[in-house]
């Protein structure tokens, strides 16, 4: 099967960091919330601590999310939010996915 130029371009422009459902889920949650703590993310996405932590680390390393660590009632609490660069990258990724889906109708 030969890909059309527009199909090939659409696939190439997808952000590889968001090609995992967990990272898509993390970003989706962080886009619609200002700050989300680790436990809330873990519960919302139904992940293990280790599974969530590894994906958060990748997104943090790419500067798509930022971390805030503080103590609440003498207990450590880590929260996350999407950076401006993360918001832009995620919006672009979603636009590329939408364009890709629209190609099906052509």
PDB file of N, CA and C in Angstrom:
ATOM      1  N   UNK A   1       0.844  -1.179   0.000  1.00  0.00           N
ATOM      2  CA  UNK A   1       0.000   0.000   0.000  1.00  0.00           C
ATOM      3  C   UNK A   1       0.886   1.238   0.000  1.00  0.00           C
ATOM      4  N   UNK A   2       0.646   2.115  -0.902  1.00  0.00           N
ATOM      5  CA  UNK A   2       1.401   3.353  -0.978  1.00  0.00           C
ATOM      6  C   UNK A   2       0.618   4.454  -0.265  1.00  0.00           C
ATOM      7  N   UNK A   3       1.311   5.174   0.626  1.00  0.00           N
ATOM      8  CA  UNK A   3       0.664   6.248   1.354  1.00  0.00           C
ATOM      9  C   UNK A   3       0.600   7.494   0.496  1.00  0.00           C
ATOM     10  N   UNK A   4      -0.513   8.206   0.598  1.00  0.00           N
ATOM     11  CA  UNK A   4      -0.599   9.488  -0.085  1.00  0.00           C
ATOM     12  C   UNK A   4       0.304  10.474   0.638  1.00  0.00           C
ATOM     13  N   UNK A   5       0.672  11.537  -0.043  1.00  0.00           N
ATOM     14  CA  UNK A   5       1.568  12.531   0.546  1.00  0.00           C
ATOM     15  C   UNK A   5       0.954  13.146   1.799  1.00  0.00           C
ATOM     16  N   UNK A   6      -0.352  13.429   1.768  1.00  0.00           N
ATOM     17  CA  UNK A   6      -0.979  14.055   2.939  1.00  0.00           C
ATOM     18  C   UNK A   6      -1.055  13.074   4.103  1.00  0.00           C
ATOM     19  N   UNK A   7      -1.281  11.800   3.838  1.00  0.00           N
ATOM     20  CA  UNK A   7      -1.325  10.798   4.895  1.00  0.00           C
ATOM     21  C   UNK A   7       0.047  10.626   5.515  1.00  0.00           C
ATOM     22  N   UNK A   8       1.052  10.530   4.677  1.00  0.00           N
ATOM     23  CA  UNK A   8       2.420  10.371   5.157  1.00  0.00           C
ATOM     24  C   UNK A   8       2.838  11.568   5.996  1.00  0.00           C
ATOM     25  N   UNK A   9       2.524  12.782   5.551  1.00  0.00           N
ATOM     26  CA  UNK A   9       2.874  14.001   6.284  1.00  0.00           C
ATOM     27  C   UNK A   9       2.174  14.015   7.638  1.00  0.00           C
ATOM     28  N   UNK A  10       0.917  13.624   7.674  1.00  0.00           N
ATOM     29  CA  UNK A  10       0.152  13.634   8.914  1.00  0.00           C
ATOM     30  C   UNK A  10       0.748  12.673   9.931  1.00  0.00           C
ATOM     31  N   UNK A  11       1.177  11.527   9.504  1.00  0.00           N
ATOM     32  CA  UNK A  11       1.773  10.551  10.412  1.00  0.00           C
ATOM     33  C   UNK A  11       3.106  11.064  10.948  1.00  0.00           C
ATOM     34  N   UNK A  12       3.901  11.662  10.108  1.00  0.00           N
ATOM     35  CA  UNK A  12       5.217  12.158  10.498  1.00  0.00           C
ATOM     36  C   UNK A  12       5.107  13.270  11.534  1.00  0.00           C
ATOM     37  N   UNK A  13       4.067  14.084  11.454  1.00  0.00           N
ATOM     38  CA  UNK A  13       3.929  15.229  12.340  1.00  0.00           C
ATOM     39  C   UNK A  13       3.360  14.893  13.713  1.00  0.00           C
ATOM     40  N   UNK A  14       2.991  13.640  13.953  1.00  0.00           N
ATOM     41  CA  UNK A  14       2.491  13.266  15.271  1.00  0.00           C
ATOM     42  C   UNK A  14       3.641  13.286  16.276  1.00  0.00           C
ATOM     43  N   UNK A  15       3.363  13.765  17.471  1.00  0.00           N
ATOM     44  CA  UNK A  15       4.374  13.836  18.521  1.00  0.00           C
ATOM     45  C   UNK A  15       4.558  12.451  19.126  1.00  0.00           C
ATOM     46  N   UNK A  16       5.749  11.898  19.003  1.00  0.00           N
ATOM     47  CA  UNK A  16       6.029  10.539  19.473  1.00  0.00           C
ATOM     48  C   UNK A  16       5.799  10.374  20.973  1.00  0.00           C
ATOM     49  N   UNK A  17       6.013  11.432  21.747  1.00  0.00           N
ATOM     50  CA  UNK A  17       5.802  11.325  23.191  1.00  0.00           C
ATOM     51  C   UNK A  17       4.341  11.058  23.548  1.00  0.00           C
ATOM     52  N   UNK A  18       3.431  11.458  22.687  1.00  0.00           N
ATOM     53  CA  UNK A  18       2.009  11.268  22.968  1.00  0.00           C
ATOM     54  C   UNK A  18       1.450  10.001  22.328  1.00  0.00           C
ATOM     55  N   UNK A  19       2.302   9.187  21.745  1.00  0.00           N
ATOM     56  CA  UNK A  19       1.824   7.978  21.082  1.00  0.00           C
ATOM     57  C   UNK A  19       1.626   6.813  22.036  1.00  0.00           C
ATOM     58  N   UNK A  20       1.553   7.090  23.297  1.00  0.00           N
ATOM     59  CA  UNK A  20       1.246   6.074  24.299  1.00  0.00           C
ATOM     60  C   UNK A  20      -0.005   6.541  25.029  1.00  0.00           C
ATOM     61  N   UNK A  21      -0.938   5.642  25.236  1.00  0.00           N
ATOM     62  CA  UNK A  21      -2.222   6.046  25.825  1.00  0.00           C
ATOM     63  C   UNK A  21      -2.061   6.659  27.206  1.00  0.00           C
ATOM     64  N   UNK A  22      -1.062   6.219  27.975  1.00  0.00           N
ATOM     65  CA  UNK A  22      -0.857   6.788  29.301  1.00  0.00           C
ATOM     66  C   UNK A  22      -0.433   8.245  29.207  1.00  0.00           C
ATOM     67  N   UNK A  23       0.486   8.562  28.313  1.00  0.00           N
ATOM     68  CA  UNK A  23       0.933   9.947  28.166  1.00  0.00           C
ATOM     69  C   UNK A  23      -0.175  10.819  27.601  1.00  0.00           C
ATOM     70  N   UNK A  24      -0.962  10.260  26.693  1.00  0.00           N
ATOM     71  CA  UNK A  24      -2.129  11.002  26.193  1.00  0.00           C
ATOM     72  C   UNK A  24      -3.078  11.285  27.353  1.00  0.00           C
ATOM     73  N   UNK A  25      -3.300  10.288  28.191  1.00  0.00           N
ATOM     74  CA  UNK A  25      -4.190  10.454  29.333  1.00  0.00           C
ATOM     75  C   UNK A  25      -3.677  11.480  30.321  1.00  0.00           C
ATOM     76  N   UNK A  26      -2.389  11.427  30.620  1.00  0.00           N
ATOM     77  CA  UNK A  26      -1.793  12.405  31.531  1.00  0.00           C
ATOM     78  C   UNK A  26      -2.002  13.810  30.993  1.00  0.00           C
ATOM     79  N   UNK A  27      -1.664  14.010  29.738  1.00  0.00           N
ATOM     80  CA  UNK A  27      -1.795  15.347  29.157  1.00  0.00           C
ATOM     81  C   UNK A  27      -3.252  15.791  29.103  1.00  0.00           C
ATOM     82  N   UNK A  28      -4.158  14.887  28.774  1.00  0.00           N
ATOM     83  CA  UNK A  28      -5.579  15.249  28.725  1.00  0.00           C
ATOM     84  C   UNK A  28      -6.061  15.736  30.087  1.00  0.00           C
ATOM     85  N   UNK A  29      -5.646  15.040  31.141  1.00  0.00           N
ATOM     86  CA  UNK A  29      -6.037  15.447  32.495  1.00  0.00           C
ATOM     87  C   UNK A  29      -5.405  16.788  32.855  1.00  0.00           C
ATOM     88  N   UNK A  30      -4.124  16.959  32.531  1.00  0.00           N
ATOM     89  CA  UNK A  30      -3.429  18.191  32.910  1.00  0.00           C
ATOM     90  C   UNK A  30      -3.869  19.400  32.090  1.00  0.00           C
ATOM     91  N   UNK A  31      -4.351  19.184  30.896  1.00  0.00           N
ATOM     92  CA  UNK A  31      -4.807  20.298  30.061  1.00  0.00           C
ATOM     93  C   UNK A  31      -6.062  20.938  30.652  1.00  0.00           C
ATOM     94  N   UNK A  32      -6.917  20.132  31.251  1.00  0.00           N
ATOM     95  CA  UNK A  32      -8.190  20.656  31.763  1.00  0.00           C
ATOM     96  C   UNK A  32      -8.154  20.967  33.260  1.00  0.00           C
ATOM     97  N   UNK A  33      -7.015  20.771  33.903  1.00  0.00           N
ATOM     98  CA  UNK A  33      -6.847  21.079  35.325  1.00  0.00           C
ATOM     99  C   UNK A  33      -5.568  21.877  35.510  1.00  0.00           C
ATOM    100  N   UNK A  34      -5.573  22.806  36.443  1.00  0.00           N
ATOM    101  CA  UNK A  34      -4.377  23.621  36.685  1.00  0.00           C
ATOM    102  C   UNK A  34      -3.251  22.767  37.259  1.00  0.00           C
ATOM    103  N   UNK A  35      -3.452  22.154  38.409  1.00  0.00           N
ATOM    104  CA  UNK A  35      -2.478  21.260  39.037  1.00  0.00           C
ATOM    105  C   UNK A  35      -3.201  19.986  39.429  1.00  0.00           C
ATOM    106  N   UNK A  36      -2.545  18.841  39.245  1.00  0.00           N
ATOM    107  CA  UNK A  36      -3.126  17.551  39.639  1.00  0.00           C
ATOM    108  C   UNK A  36      -2.066  16.779  40.411  1.00  0.00           C
ATOM    109  N   UNK A  37      -2.455  16.269  41.588  1.00  0.00           N
ATOM    110  CA  UNK A  37      -1.482  15.536  42.387  1.00  0.00           C
ATOM    111  C   UNK A  37      -1.318  14.106  41.865  1.00  0.00           C
ATOM    112  N   UNK A  38      -0.206  13.505  42.271  1.00  0.00           N
ATOM    113  CA  UNK A  38       0.174  12.166  41.794  1.00  0.00           C
ATOM    114  C   UNK A  38      -0.930  11.143  42.055  1.00  0.00           C
ATOM    115  N   UNK A  39      -1.470  11.140  43.260  1.00  0.00           N
ATOM    116  CA  UNK A  39      -2.486  10.148  43.621  1.00  0.00           C
ATOM    117  C   UNK A  39      -3.732  10.305  42.754  1.00  0.00           C
ATOM    118  N   UNK A  40      -4.150  11.530  42.518  1.00  0.00           N
ATOM    119  CA  UNK A  40      -5.335  11.759  41.671  1.00  0.00           C
ATOM    120  C   UNK A  40      -5.090  11.295  40.240  1.00  0.00           C
ATOM    121  N   UNK A  41      -3.894  11.569  39.720  1.00  0.00           N
ATOM    122  CA  UNK A  41      -3.545  11.093  38.375  1.00  0.00           C
ATOM    123  C   UNK A  41      -3.552   9.563  38.329  1.00  0.00           C
ATOM    124  N   UNK A  42      -2.932   8.964  39.321  1.00  0.00           N
ATOM    125  CA  UNK A  42      -2.858   7.501  39.381  1.00  0.00           C
ATOM    126  C   UNK A  42      -4.255   6.888  39.406  1.00  0.00           C
ATOM    127  N   UNK A  43      -5.137   7.453  40.211  1.00  0.00           N
ATOM    128  CA  UNK A  43      -6.492   6.919  40.308  1.00  0.00           C
ATOM    129  C   UNK A  43      -7.303   7.177  39.036  1.00  0.00           C
ATOM    130  N   UNK A  44      -7.182   8.375  38.474  1.00  0.00           N
ATOM    131  CA  UNK A  44      -7.933   8.709  37.265  1.00  0.00           C
ATOM    132  C   UNK A  44      -7.543   7.820  36.090  1.00  0.00           C
ATOM    133  N   UNK A  45      -6.249   7.504  35.996  1.00  0.00           N
ATOM    134  CA  UNK A  45      -5.741   6.719  34.868  1.00  0.00           C
ATOM    135  C   UNK A  45      -5.612   5.233  35.187  1.00  0.00           C
ATOM    136  N   UNK A  46      -5.900   4.861  36.440  1.00  0.00           N
ATOM    137  CA  UNK A  46      -5.854   3.466  36.891  1.00  0.00           C
ATOM    138  C   UNK A  46      -4.497   2.825  36.576  1.00  0.00           C
ATOM    139  N   UNK A  47      -3.453   3.459  37.118  1.00  0.00           N
ATOM    140  CA  UNK A  47      -2.088   2.996  36.884  1.00  0.00           C
ATOM    141  C   UNK A  47      -1.409   2.627  38.195  1.00  0.00           C
ATOM    142  N   UNK A  48      -0.314   1.902  38.084  1.00  0.00           N
ATOM    143  CA  UNK A  48       0.526   1.645  39.249  1.00  0.00           C
ATOM    144  C   UNK A  48       1.405   2.875  39.481  1.00  0.00           C
ATOM    145  N   UNK A  49       1.968   2.974  40.667  1.00  0.00           N
ATOM    146  CA  UNK A  49       2.881   4.088  40.961  1.00  0.00           C
ATOM    147  C   UNK A  49       4.044   4.114  39.976  1.00  0.00           C
ATOM    148  N   UNK A  50       4.663   2.950  39.763  1.00  0.00           N
ATOM    149  CA  UNK A  50       5.819   2.873  38.873  1.00  0.00           C
ATOM    150  C   UNK A  50       5.477   3.197  37.433  1.00  0.00           C
ATOM    151  N   UNK A  51       4.350   2.701  36.976  1.00  0.00           N
ATOM    152  CA  UNK A  51       3.928   2.971  35.595  1.00  0.00           C
ATOM    153  C   UNK A  51       3.692   4.451  35.367  1.00  0.00           C
ATOM    154  N   UNK A  52       2.994   5.078  36.290  1.00  0.00           N
ATOM    155  CA  UNK A  52       2.728   6.511  36.163  1.00  0.00           C
ATOM    156  C   UNK A  52       4.025   7.306  36.269  1.00  0.00           C
ATOM    157  N   UNK A  53       4.856   6.970  37.231  1.00  0.00           N
ATOM    158  CA  UNK A  53       6.097   7.720  37.451  1.00  0.00           C
ATOM    159  C   UNK A  53       6.995   7.725  36.220  1.00  0.00           C
ATOM    160  N   UNK A  54       7.100   6.611  35.533  1.00  0.00           N
ATOM    161  CA  UNK A  54       7.985   6.567  34.367  1.00  0.00           C
ATOM    162  C   UNK A  54       7.474   7.473  33.245  1.00  0.00           C
ATOM    163  N   UNK A  55       6.174   7.534  33.062  1.00  0.00           N
ATOM    164  CA  UNK A  55       5.619   8.407  32.016  1.00  0.00           C
ATOM    165  C   UNK A  55       5.713   9.881  32.418  1.00  0.00           C
ATOM    166  N   UNK A  56       5.501  10.167  33.693  1.00  0.00           N
ATOM    167  CA  UNK A  56       5.655  11.544  34.168  1.00  0.00           C
ATOM    168  C   UNK A  56       7.095  12.011  33.987  1.00  0.00           C
ATOM    169  N   UNK A  57       8.035  11.124  34.238  1.00  0.00           N
ATOM    170  CA  UNK A  57       9.459  11.463  34.083  1.00  0.00           C
ATOM    171  C   UNK A  57       9.774  11.821  32.632  1.00  0.00           C
ATOM    172  N   UNK A  58       9.242  11.041  31.694  1.00  0.00           N
ATOM    173  CA  UNK A  58       9.495  11.321  30.272  1.00  0.00           C
ATOM    174  C   UNK A  58       8.902  12.668  29.859  1.00  0.00           C
ATOM    175  N   UNK A  59       7.701  12.965  30.321  1.00  0.00           N
ATOM    176  CA  UNK A  59       7.056  14.236  29.972  1.00  0.00           C
ATOM    177  C   UNK A  59       7.758  15.415  30.649  1.00  0.00           C
ATOM    178  N   UNK A  60       8.255  15.198  31.871  1.00  0.00           N
ATOM    179  CA  UNK A  60       8.987  16.245  32.578  1.00  0.00           C
ATOM    180  C   UNK A  60      10.322  16.521  31.888  1.00  0.00           C
ATOM    181  N   UNK A  61      11.020  15.457  31.511  1.00  0.00           N
ATOM    182  CA  UNK A  61      12.309  15.595  30.828  1.00  0.00           C
ATOM    183  C   UNK A  61      12.154  16.388  29.534  1.00  0.00           C
ATOM    184  N   UNK A  62      11.041  16.191  28.845  1.00  0.00           N
ATOM    185  CA  UNK A  62      10.783  16.911  27.594  1.00  0.00           C
ATOM    186  C   UNK A  62      10.229  18.313  27.840  1.00  0.00           C
ATOM    187  N   UNK A  63      10.084  18.683  29.122  1.00  0.00           N
ATOM    188  CA  UNK A  63       9.575  19.990  29.538  1.00  0.00           C
ATOM    189  C   UNK A  63       8.150  20.250  29.070  1.00  0.00           C
ATOM    190  N   UNK A  64       7.363  19.184  28.976  1.00  0.00           N
ATOM    191  CA  UNK A  64       5.963  19.308  28.601  1.00  0.00           C
ATOM    192  C   UNK A  64       5.062  19.429  29.835  1.00  0.00           C
ATOM    193  N   UNK A  65       5.594  18.999  30.979  1.00  0.00           N
ATOM    194  CA  UNK A  65       4.901  19.183  32.248  1.00  0.00           C
ATOM    195  C   UNK A  65       5.914  19.663  33.281  1.00  0.00           C
ATOM    196  N   UNK A  66       5.402  20.256  34.343  1.00  0.00           N
ATOM    197  CA  UNK A  66       6.275  20.662  35.441  1.00  0.00           C
ATOM    198  C   UNK A  66       5.764  20.076  36.744  1.00  0.00           C
ATOM    199  N   UNK A  67       6.665  20.023  37.718  1.00  0.00           N
ATOM    200  CA  UNK A  67       6.399  19.367  38.993  1.00  0.00           C
ATOM    201  C   UNK A  67       6.466  20.368  40.128  1.00  0.00           C
ATOM    202  N   UNK A  68       5.582  20.180  41.101  1.00  0.00           N
ATOM    203  CA  UNK A  68       5.617  20.971  42.328  1.00  0.00           C
ATOM    204  C   UNK A  68       5.589  20.000  43.503  1.00  0.00           C
ATOM    205  N   UNK A  69       6.571  20.117  44.375  1.00  0.00           N
ATOM    206  CA  UNK A  69       6.635  19.242  45.549  1.00  0.00           C
ATOM    207  C   UNK A  69       6.472  20.105  46.793  1.00  0.00           C
ATOM    208  N   UNK A  70       5.563  19.676  47.672  1.00  0.00           N
ATOM    209  CA  UNK A  70       5.354  20.404  48.916  1.00  0.00           C
ATOM    210  C   UNK A  70       4.860  19.432  49.978  1.00  0.00           C
ATOM    211  N   UNK A  71       4.761  19.923  51.194  1.00  0.00           N
ATOM    212  CA  UNK A  71       4.243  19.114  52.284  1.00  0.00           C
ATOM    213  C   UNK A  71       2.861  19.616  52.663  1.00  0.00           C
ATOM    214  N   UNK A  72       1.924  18.682  52.801  1.00  0.00           N
ATOM    215  CA  UNK A  72       0.576  18.990  53.252  1.00  0.00           C
ATOM    216  C   UNK A  72       0.299  18.087  54.446  1.00  0.00           C
ATOM    217  N   UNK A  73       0.001  18.699  55.586  1.00  0.00           N
ATOM    218  CA  UNK A  73      -0.187  17.935  56.824  1.00  0.00           C
ATOM    219  C   UNK A  73       1.000  17.011  57.090  1.00  0.00           C
ATOM    220  N   UNK A  74       2.185  17.554  56.932  1.00  0.00           N
ATOM    221  CA  UNK A  74       3.442  16.823  57.181  1.00  0.00           C
ATOM    222  C   UNK A  74       3.661  15.621  56.263  1.00  0.00           C
ATOM    223  N   UNK A  75       2.937  15.570  55.151  1.00  0.00           N
ATOM    224  CA  UNK A  75       3.117  14.484  54.181  1.00  0.00           C
ATOM    225  C   UNK A  75       3.533  15.093  52.844  1.00  0.00           C
ATOM    226  N   UNK A  76       4.467  14.448  52.146  1.00  0.00           N
ATOM    227  CA  UNK A  76       4.868  14.981  50.837  1.00  0.00           C
ATOM    228  C   UNK A  76       3.737  14.850  49.823  1.00  0.00           C
ATOM    229  N   UNK A  77       3.590  15.895  49.018  1.00  0.00           N
ATOM    230  CA  UNK A  77       2.565  15.895  47.969  1.00  0.00           C
ATOM    231  C   UNK A  77       3.204  16.432  46.693  1.00  0.00           C
ATOM    232  N   UNK A  78       3.183  15.624  45.646  1.00  0.00           N
ATOM    233  CA  UNK A  78       3.746  16.023  44.360  1.00  0.00           C
ATOM    234  C   UNK A  78       2.608  16.259  43.389  1.00  0.00           C
ATOM    235  N   UNK A  79       2.633  17.424  42.755  1.00  0.00           N
ATOM    236  CA  UNK A  79       1.593  17.776  41.782  1.00  0.00           C
ATOM    237  C   UNK A  79       2.239  18.137  40.452  1.00  0.00           C
ATOM    238  N   UNK A  80       1.438  18.085  39.413  1.00  0.00           N
ATOM    239  CA  UNK A  80       1.928  18.309  38.051  1.00  0.00           C
ATOM    240  C   UNK A  80       0.977  19.228  37.308  1.00  0.00           C
ATOM    241  N   UNK A  81       1.535  19.940  36.342  1.00  0.00           N
ATOM    242  CA  UNK A  81       0.708  20.716  35.421  1.00  0.00           C
ATOM    243  C   UNK A  81       1.406  20.770  34.076  1.00  0.00           C
ATOM    244  N   UNK A  82       0.611  21.005  33.050  1.00  0.00           N
ATOM    245  CA  UNK A  82       1.164  21.141  31.706  1.00  0.00           C
ATOM    246  C   UNK A  82       1.856  22.491  31.590  1.00  0.00           C
ATOM    247  N   UNK A  83       3.029  22.501  30.977  1.00  0.00           N
ATOM    248  CA  UNK A  83       3.705  23.766  30.690  1.00  0.00           C
ATOM    249  C   UNK A  83       3.051  24.379  29.461  1.00  0.00           C
ATOM    250  N   UNK A  84       3.393  25.615  29.185  1.00  0.00           N
ATOM    251  CA  UNK A  84       2.870  26.253  27.971  1.00  0.00           C
ATOM    252  C   UNK A  84       3.335  25.476  26.741  1.00  0.00           C
ATOM    253  N   UNK A  85       4.596  25.054  26.736  1.00  0.00           N
ATOM    254  CA  UNK A  85       5.112  24.255  25.619  1.00  0.00           C
ATOM    255  C   UNK A  85       4.352  22.932  25.510  1.00  0.00           C
ATOM    256  N   UNK A  86       4.009  22.356  26.650  1.00  0.00           N
ATOM    257  CA  UNK A  86       3.240  21.111  26.652  1.00  0.00           C
ATOM    258  C   UNK A  86       1.852  21.297  26.077  1.00  0.00           C
ATOM    259  N   UNK A  87       1.229  22.405  26.438  1.00  0.00           N
ATOM    260  CA  UNK A  87      -0.115  22.704  25.907  1.00  0.00           C
ATOM    261  C   UNK A  87      -0.078  22.878  24.390  1.00  0.00           C
ATOM    262  N   UNK A  88       0.912  23.617  23.928  1.00  0.00           N
ATOM    263  CA  UNK A  88       1.056  23.846  22.482  1.00  0.00           C
ATOM    264  C   UNK A  88       1.316  22.519  21.767  1.00  0.00           C
ATOM    265  N   UNK A  89       2.230  21.724  22.305  1.00  0.00           N
ATOM    266  CA  UNK A  89       2.571  20.445  21.673  1.00  0.00           C
ATOM    267  C   UNK A  89       1.369  19.500  21.653  1.00  0.00           C
ATOM    268  N   UNK A  90       0.610  19.473  22.741  1.00  0.00           N
ATOM    269  CA  UNK A  90      -0.544  18.586  22.805  1.00  0.00           C
ATOM    270  C   UNK A  90      -1.635  19.053  21.844  1.00  0.00           C
ATOM    271  N   UNK A  91      -1.882  20.354  21.796  1.00  0.00           N
ATOM    272  CA  UNK A  91      -2.865  20.887  20.848  1.00  0.00           C
ATOM    273  C   UNK A  91      -2.471  20.560  19.408  1.00  0.00           C
ATOM    274  N   UNK A  92      -1.186  20.701  19.102  1.00  0.00           N
ATOM    275  CA  UNK A  92      -0.699  20.389  17.752  1.00  0.00           C
ATOM    276  C   UNK A  92      -0.884  18.901  17.457  1.00  0.00           C
ATOM    277  N   UNK A  93      -0.584  18.059  18.431  1.00  0.00           N
ATOM    278  CA  UNK A  93      -0.738  16.613  18.264  1.00  0.00           C
ATOM    279  C   UNK A  93      -2.207  16.262  17.994  1.00  0.00           C
ATOM    280  N   UNK A  94      -3.110  16.851  18.766  1.00  0.00           N
ATOM    281  CA  UNK A  94      -4.534  16.588  18.567  1.00  0.00           C
ATOM    282  C   UNK A  94      -5.012  17.069  17.196  1.00  0.00           C
ATOM    283  N   UNK A  95      -4.501  18.218  16.772  1.00  0.00           N
ATOM    284  CA  UNK A  95      -4.860  18.727  15.444  1.00  0.00           C
ATOM    285  C   UNK A  95      -4.378  17.778  14.348  1.00  0.00           C
ATOM    286  N   UNK A  96      -3.179  17.234  14.522  1.00  0.00           N
ATOM    287  CA  UNK A  96      -2.646  16.277  13.546  1.00  0.00           C
ATOM    288  C   UNK A  96      -3.480  14.995  13.530  1.00  0.00           C
ATOM    289  N   UNK A  97      -3.889  14.533  14.708  1.00  0.00           N
ATOM    290  CA  UNK A  97      -4.751  13.349  14.768  1.00  0.00           C
ATOM    291  C   UNK A  97      -6.078  13.605  14.070  1.00  0.00           C
ATOM    292  N   UNK A  98      -6.635  14.782  14.309  1.00  0.00           N
ATOM    293  CA  UNK A  98      -7.907  15.136  13.668  1.00  0.00           C
ATOM    294  C   UNK A  98      -7.749  15.183  12.155  1.00  0.00           C
ATOM    295  N   UNK A  99      -6.668  15.761  11.675  1.00  0.00           N
ATOM    296  CA  UNK A  99      -6.407  15.826  10.232  1.00  0.00           C
ATOM    297  C   UNK A  99      -6.241  14.417   9.666  1.00  0.00           C
ATOM    298  N   UNK A 100      -5.562  13.555  10.407  1.00  0.00           N
ATOM    299  CA  UNK A 100      -5.365  12.179   9.999  1.00  0.00           C
ATOM    300  C   UNK A 100      -6.704  11.451   9.871  1.00  0.00           C
ATOM    301  N   UNK A 101      -7.590  11.623  10.841  1.00  0.00           N
ATOM    302  CA  UNK A 101      -8.904  10.983  10.820  1.00  0.00           C
ATOM    303  C   UNK A 101      -9.729  11.517   9.648  1.00  0.00           C
ATOM    304  N   UNK A 102      -9.633  12.787   9.370  1.00  0.00           N
ATOM    305  CA  UNK A 102     -10.391  13.386   8.260  1.00  0.00           C
ATOM    306  C   UNK A 102      -9.960  12.820   6.911  1.00  0.00           C
ATOM    307  N   UNK A 103      -8.705  12.377   6.806  1.00  0.00           N
ATOM    308  CA  UNK A 103      -8.239  11.791   5.549  1.00  0.00           C
ATOM    309  C   UNK A 103      -9.019  10.539   5.192  1.00  0.00           C
ATOM    310  N   UNK A 104      -9.529   9.876   6.200  1.00  0.00           N
ATOM    311  CA  UNK A 104     -10.321   8.676   5.980  1.00  0.00           C
ATOM    312  C   UNK A 104     -11.573   8.982   5.171  1.00  0.00           C
ATOM    313  N   UNK A 105     -12.117  10.171   5.357  1.00  0.00           N
ATOM    314  CA  UNK A 105     -13.357  10.548   4.698  1.00  0.00           C
ATOM    315  C   UNK A 105     -13.149  11.054   3.273  1.00  0.00           C
ATOM    316  N   UNK A 106     -11.891  11.247   2.893  1.00  0.00           N
ATOM    317  CA  UNK A 106     -11.627  11.780   1.546  1.00  0.00           C
ATOM    318  C   UNK A 106     -11.731  10.704   0.491  1.00  0.00           C
TER     319      UNK A 106
END
